[in-house]
């Protein structure tokens, strides 16, 4: 068991408590080394890394009290996603929100890996006709293909910082659109983007979000860009690690997404 287990939470994270050994054992369920149906044994705890202590008040765990779930609760949730009524959902639908920079990400490799891992077809579809910045409202808008064959313009919730002229896109704005159009045969509809998303106003950023029961999700590659560094206090502050001619072109593309 890790040496962090049982340590007190730091003063800036009053709402966060390190899990006790009993908490971990209750989460995994009863141990039975003689039962073939038992997934975990008493030694299973040794294979899990401890939850790291929050380093600052703006970390996720001090701000959000995570209830967590037991392994059995996870299985129960999985059953709601794998029922007789959903057995016809045999495809994962993947779409791109904006443009993906192929210098840092290979979407074809992702599709190949996902199909092999889930043993399920992955369909790359084009849901978005265009994504544009509204200078008057400081807001992103998108033109989207609808189920009825028509298209429609949607205003997306955006936050904007004037001085560096950067924006973030609220991820639930995309998910709420997806809930209306997700295909009945889709196991999941997922968007990949180079835009920088957030969830709540207190967030610096979030890498992505999914709504499992609605079968939709959206995930960003923006903060995985190896050429950028990010400020840990201000969401709008990011810089190039080194400046070269090629990276200047990369920054131009990033600014199109960060505005």
Protein backbone atom coordinates (compact mmCIF):
# COMPACT_ATOMS: atom_id res chain seq x y z
CA UNK A 1 0.00 0.00 0.00
CA UNK A 2 1.30 3.44 -0.82
CA UNK A 3 2.94 5.61 1.82
CA UNK A 4 0.47 8.42 0.95
CA UNK A 5 -2.45 6.40 2.27
CA UNK A 6 -3.82 7.92 5.45
CA UNK A 7 -2.02 11.24 5.08
CA UNK A 8 -3.93 14.38 5.97
CA UNK A 9 -5.13 16.67 3.21
CA UNK A 10 -3.19 19.92 2.73
CA UNK A 11 -4.67 23.10 4.21
CA UNK A 12 -5.73 24.42 0.78
CA UNK A 13 -7.81 21.30 0.09
CA UNK A 14 -10.20 21.04 3.02
CA UNK A 15 -12.86 19.28 0.94
CA UNK A 16 -10.48 16.53 -0.15
CA UNK A 17 -9.77 13.45 1.95
CA UNK A 18 -7.22 10.77 1.19
CA UNK A 19 -8.96 7.38 0.88
CA UNK A 20 -8.46 4.95 3.74
CA UNK A 21 -7.47 1.33 3.21
CA UNK A 22 -11.03 0.35 4.17
CA UNK A 23 -12.43 2.74 1.53
CA UNK A 24 -10.32 1.08 -1.15
CA UNK A 25 -11.29 -2.43 -0.06
CA UNK A 26 -15.00 -1.48 -0.03
CA UNK A 27 -14.63 -0.02 -3.52
CA UNK A 28 -13.07 -3.19 -4.91
CA UNK A 29 -15.58 -5.45 -3.18
CA UNK A 30 -15.22 -8.59 -1.07
CA UNK A 31 -12.01 -10.55 -1.55
CA UNK A 32 -12.29 -14.27 -2.08
CA UNK A 33 -9.16 -15.99 -3.36
CA UNK A 34 -11.07 -19.28 -3.72
CA UNK A 35 -13.91 -17.87 -5.82
CA UNK A 36 -13.45 -17.91 -9.59
CA UNK A 37 -15.92 -15.03 -9.94
CA UNK A 38 -13.88 -12.75 -7.67
CA UNK A 39 -12.09 -10.14 -9.76
CA UNK A 40 -9.83 -8.75 -7.03
CA UNK A 41 -7.71 -10.28 -4.29
CA UNK A 42 -6.13 -8.78 -1.18
CA UNK A 43 -2.99 -8.14 -3.22
CA UNK A 44 -4.90 -6.07 -5.78
CA UNK A 45 -4.49 -2.91 -3.69
CA UNK A 46 -0.75 -3.11 -4.28
CA UNK A 47 -1.23 -2.64 -8.02
CA UNK A 48 -2.94 0.76 -7.75
CA UNK A 49 -1.02 4.01 -7.45
CA UNK A 50 -2.21 6.34 -4.72
CA UNK A 51 -4.29 9.36 -5.57
CA UNK A 52 -1.80 12.27 -5.51
CA UNK A 53 -2.32 15.06 -3.01
CA UNK A 54 -3.64 18.28 -4.57
CA UNK A 55 -0.82 20.80 -5.02
CA UNK A 56 -2.85 24.01 -5.13
CA UNK A 57 -6.40 25.29 -4.51
CA UNK A 58 -7.15 25.45 -8.26
CA UNK A 59 -6.60 21.70 -8.71
CA UNK A 60 -9.66 19.63 -9.54
CA UNK A 61 -9.99 17.69 -6.28
CA UNK A 62 -10.04 20.69 -3.90
CA UNK A 63 -12.81 22.26 -5.98
CA UNK A 64 -14.93 19.21 -6.70
CA UNK A 65 -15.81 16.62 -4.10
CA UNK A 66 -15.77 13.40 -6.09
CA UNK A 67 -18.08 10.76 -4.69
CA UNK A 68 -16.51 7.99 -6.73
CA UNK A 69 -18.05 4.59 -7.39
CA UNK A 70 -17.48 1.00 -6.39
CA UNK A 71 -16.58 -1.70 -8.87
CA UNK A 72 -20.11 -3.14 -8.60
CA UNK A 73 -21.62 0.28 -9.30
CA UNK A 74 -19.41 0.49 -12.37
CA UNK A 75 -20.72 -2.88 -13.55
CA UNK A 76 -24.31 -1.77 -13.00
CA UNK A 77 -23.73 1.35 -15.10
CA UNK A 78 -22.09 -0.74 -17.82
CA UNK A 79 -25.20 -2.93 -17.97
CA UNK A 80 -27.35 0.11 -18.72
CA UNK A 81 -25.16 0.77 -21.76
CA UNK A 82 -25.13 -2.86 -22.93
CA UNK A 83 -28.73 -4.05 -23.00
CA UNK A 84 -30.84 -6.05 -25.45
CA UNK A 85 -32.37 -2.80 -26.67
CA UNK A 86 -28.90 -1.44 -27.52
CA UNK A 87 -27.41 -4.54 -29.15
CA UNK A 88 -27.88 -2.98 -32.60
CA UNK A 89 -25.52 -0.13 -31.71
CA UNK A 90 -22.37 -1.49 -33.25
CA UNK A 91 -20.59 1.65 -34.51
CA UNK A 92 -18.61 4.44 -32.90
CA UNK A 93 -19.14 7.72 -34.71
CA UNK A 94 -16.21 10.13 -34.73
CA UNK A 95 -16.35 13.71 -35.96
CA UNK A 96 -13.89 16.59 -36.01
CA UNK A 97 -14.84 19.99 -34.61
CA UNK A 98 -12.63 22.40 -36.56
CA UNK A 99 -9.34 21.15 -37.96
CA UNK A 100 -6.98 18.65 -36.36
CA UNK A 101 -3.29 19.49 -36.72
CA UNK A 102 -1.73 16.36 -38.22
CA UNK A 103 1.72 17.51 -37.05
CA UNK A 104 0.78 16.49 -33.51
CA UNK A 105 -1.99 13.94 -34.05
CA UNK A 106 -2.74 11.18 -36.52
CA UNK A 107 -6.48 10.60 -36.63
CA UNK A 108 -6.15 7.56 -38.90
CA UNK A 109 -4.03 5.82 -36.25
CA UNK A 110 -6.66 6.63 -33.63
CA UNK A 111 -9.40 5.11 -35.77
CA UNK A 112 -7.32 1.98 -36.37
CA UNK A 113 -6.49 1.59 -32.67
CA UNK A 114 -10.09 2.20 -31.55
CA UNK A 115 -11.47 -0.39 -33.97
CA UNK A 116 -8.96 -2.98 -32.76
CA UNK A 117 -9.47 -2.20 -29.08
CA UNK A 118 -13.27 -2.18 -29.06
CA UNK A 119 -13.69 -4.64 -31.93
CA UNK A 120 -16.18 -2.20 -33.37
CA UNK A 121 -16.45 -0.17 -36.55
CA UNK A 122 -15.46 3.50 -36.29
CA UNK A 123 -17.15 5.85 -38.74
CA UNK A 124 -15.59 9.25 -39.41
CA UNK A 125 -18.40 11.66 -40.26
CA UNK A 126 -18.59 15.36 -41.08
CA UNK A 127 -21.20 17.07 -38.92
CA UNK A 128 -19.85 20.60 -39.04
CA UNK A 129 -19.93 22.67 -42.23
CA UNK A 130 -18.05 25.62 -40.73
CA UNK A 131 -16.96 27.16 -37.44
CA UNK A 132 -16.70 30.94 -37.29
CA UNK A 133 -15.82 33.66 -34.82
CA UNK A 134 -18.35 36.44 -34.24
CA UNK A 135 -16.36 39.65 -33.58
CA UNK A 136 -19.42 41.55 -32.39
CA UNK A 137 -20.39 39.00 -29.75
CA UNK A 138 -16.91 37.53 -29.06
CA UNK A 139 -18.46 34.13 -29.56
CA UNK A 140 -17.95 30.99 -31.61
CA UNK A 141 -20.72 29.85 -33.95
CA UNK A 142 -21.01 26.67 -35.97
CA UNK A 143 -22.99 25.60 -38.98
CA UNK A 144 -24.11 22.02 -38.57
CA UNK A 145 -25.66 19.30 -40.70
CA UNK A 146 -28.96 18.09 -39.22
CA UNK A 147 -30.69 14.72 -39.46
CA UNK A 148 -33.34 16.06 -41.84
CA UNK A 149 -30.67 17.01 -44.38
CA UNK A 150 -30.86 20.71 -43.59
CA UNK A 151 -28.21 22.86 -41.91
CA UNK A 152 -28.45 25.35 -39.06
CA UNK A 153 -26.24 27.93 -37.36
CA UNK A 154 -25.75 27.58 -33.60
CA UNK A 155 -24.26 30.08 -31.16
CA UNK A 156 -21.88 28.33 -28.78
CA UNK A 157 -21.23 29.41 -25.21
CA UNK A 158 -17.81 31.06 -25.18
CA UNK A 159 -15.62 32.93 -22.73
CA UNK A 160 -13.18 35.52 -24.00
CA UNK A 161 -10.17 37.40 -22.65
CA UNK A 162 -9.54 40.68 -24.45
CA UNK A 163 -5.89 41.32 -23.66
CA UNK A 164 -4.38 38.16 -25.17
CA UNK A 165 -7.44 37.79 -27.43
CA UNK A 166 -8.05 34.20 -26.45
CA UNK A 167 -11.23 32.25 -26.01
CA UNK A 168 -12.45 28.97 -24.62
CA UNK A 169 -15.44 26.96 -25.73
CA UNK A 170 -17.89 25.46 -23.24
CA UNK A 171 -17.80 21.72 -23.91
CA UNK A 172 -21.44 21.19 -22.91
CA UNK A 173 -22.43 23.45 -25.81
CA UNK A 174 -21.17 20.75 -28.18
CA UNK A 175 -22.62 17.86 -26.17
CA UNK A 176 -26.06 19.43 -26.06
CA UNK A 177 -26.01 19.62 -29.86
CA UNK A 178 -24.90 16.00 -30.12
CA UNK A 179 -27.72 14.74 -27.89
CA UNK A 180 -30.19 15.96 -30.49
CA UNK A 181 -28.59 14.23 -33.47
CA UNK A 182 -26.81 11.10 -32.21
CA UNK A 183 -27.74 8.22 -34.50
CA UNK A 184 -29.76 5.35 -33.03
CA UNK A 185 -27.20 2.83 -34.26
CA UNK A 186 -24.30 4.71 -32.62
CA UNK A 187 -22.72 3.20 -29.56
CA UNK A 188 -21.10 6.60 -29.10
CA UNK A 189 -20.73 9.92 -30.92
CA UNK A 190 -17.43 11.61 -30.15
CA UNK A 191 -15.92 14.90 -31.29
CA UNK A 192 -12.20 15.67 -31.42
CA UNK A 193 -11.07 19.28 -31.51
CA UNK A 194 -8.09 21.62 -31.29
CA UNK A 195 -10.24 24.20 -29.49
CA UNK A 196 -9.63 24.77 -25.79
CA UNK A 197 -12.70 23.70 -23.77
CA UNK A 198 -13.92 24.43 -20.28
CA UNK A 199 -16.89 23.20 -18.25
CA UNK A 200 -17.56 25.50 -15.31
CA UNK A 201 -16.48 29.12 -14.91
CA UNK A 202 -13.98 28.06 -12.22
CA UNK A 203 -12.14 25.72 -14.61
CA UNK A 204 -8.76 26.53 -16.09
CA UNK A 205 -9.68 24.02 -18.79
CA UNK A 206 -10.91 20.47 -19.18
CA UNK A 207 -9.47 17.92 -21.57
CA UNK A 208 -12.94 16.70 -22.45
CA UNK A 209 -16.27 15.49 -21.17
CA UNK A 210 -18.70 12.69 -21.92
CA UNK A 211 -22.34 12.01 -21.14
CA UNK A 212 -22.36 8.25 -20.99
CA UNK A 213 -26.09 7.63 -20.85
CA UNK A 214 -26.57 10.04 -23.78
CA UNK A 215 -23.77 8.33 -25.77
CA UNK A 216 -21.95 11.59 -26.59
CA UNK A 217 -18.52 13.01 -25.79
CA UNK A 218 -16.06 15.71 -26.86
CA UNK A 219 -12.31 15.80 -26.27
CA UNK A 220 -9.62 18.38 -26.99
CA UNK A 221 -6.01 17.95 -28.12
CA UNK A 222 -5.15 21.61 -27.60
CA UNK A 223 -3.29 21.22 -24.30
CA UNK A 224 -1.38 18.19 -25.56
CA UNK A 225 0.49 20.39 -28.03
CA UNK A 226 4.20 19.82 -27.25
CA UNK A 227 5.18 23.24 -28.63
CA UNK A 228 3.08 25.18 -26.08
CA UNK A 229 3.38 25.90 -22.37
CA UNK A 230 0.42 26.90 -20.21
CA UNK A 231 0.01 29.08 -17.18
CA UNK A 232 -1.32 27.23 -14.12
CA UNK A 233 -3.29 30.23 -12.86
CA UNK A 234 -4.80 31.86 -15.96
CA UNK A 235 -6.61 29.85 -18.61
CA UNK A 236 -5.89 32.40 -21.38
CA UNK A 237 -2.12 32.45 -20.92
CA UNK A 238 -0.09 30.14 -23.18
CA UNK A 239 3.29 30.59 -24.88
CA UNK A 240 5.58 28.90 -27.37
CA UNK A 241 8.45 26.98 -25.81
CA UNK A 242 10.85 28.06 -28.57
CA UNK A 243 10.31 30.25 -31.60
CA UNK A 244 11.19 28.92 -35.05
CA UNK A 245 9.84 29.66 -38.49
CA UNK A 246 7.84 26.44 -38.54
CA UNK A 247 6.47 27.06 -35.07
CA UNK A 248 5.37 30.55 -36.01
CA UNK A 249 3.10 28.90 -38.56
CA UNK A 250 1.86 26.51 -35.86
CA UNK A 251 1.04 29.44 -33.59
CA UNK A 252 -0.95 31.05 -36.39
CA UNK A 253 -3.07 27.93 -36.62
CA UNK A 254 -3.45 27.82 -32.82
CA UNK A 255 -4.63 31.41 -32.72
CA UNK A 256 -7.35 30.54 -35.21
CA UNK A 257 -8.64 28.16 -32.55
CA UNK A 258 -7.88 30.29 -29.47
CA UNK A 259 -8.93 33.64 -30.93
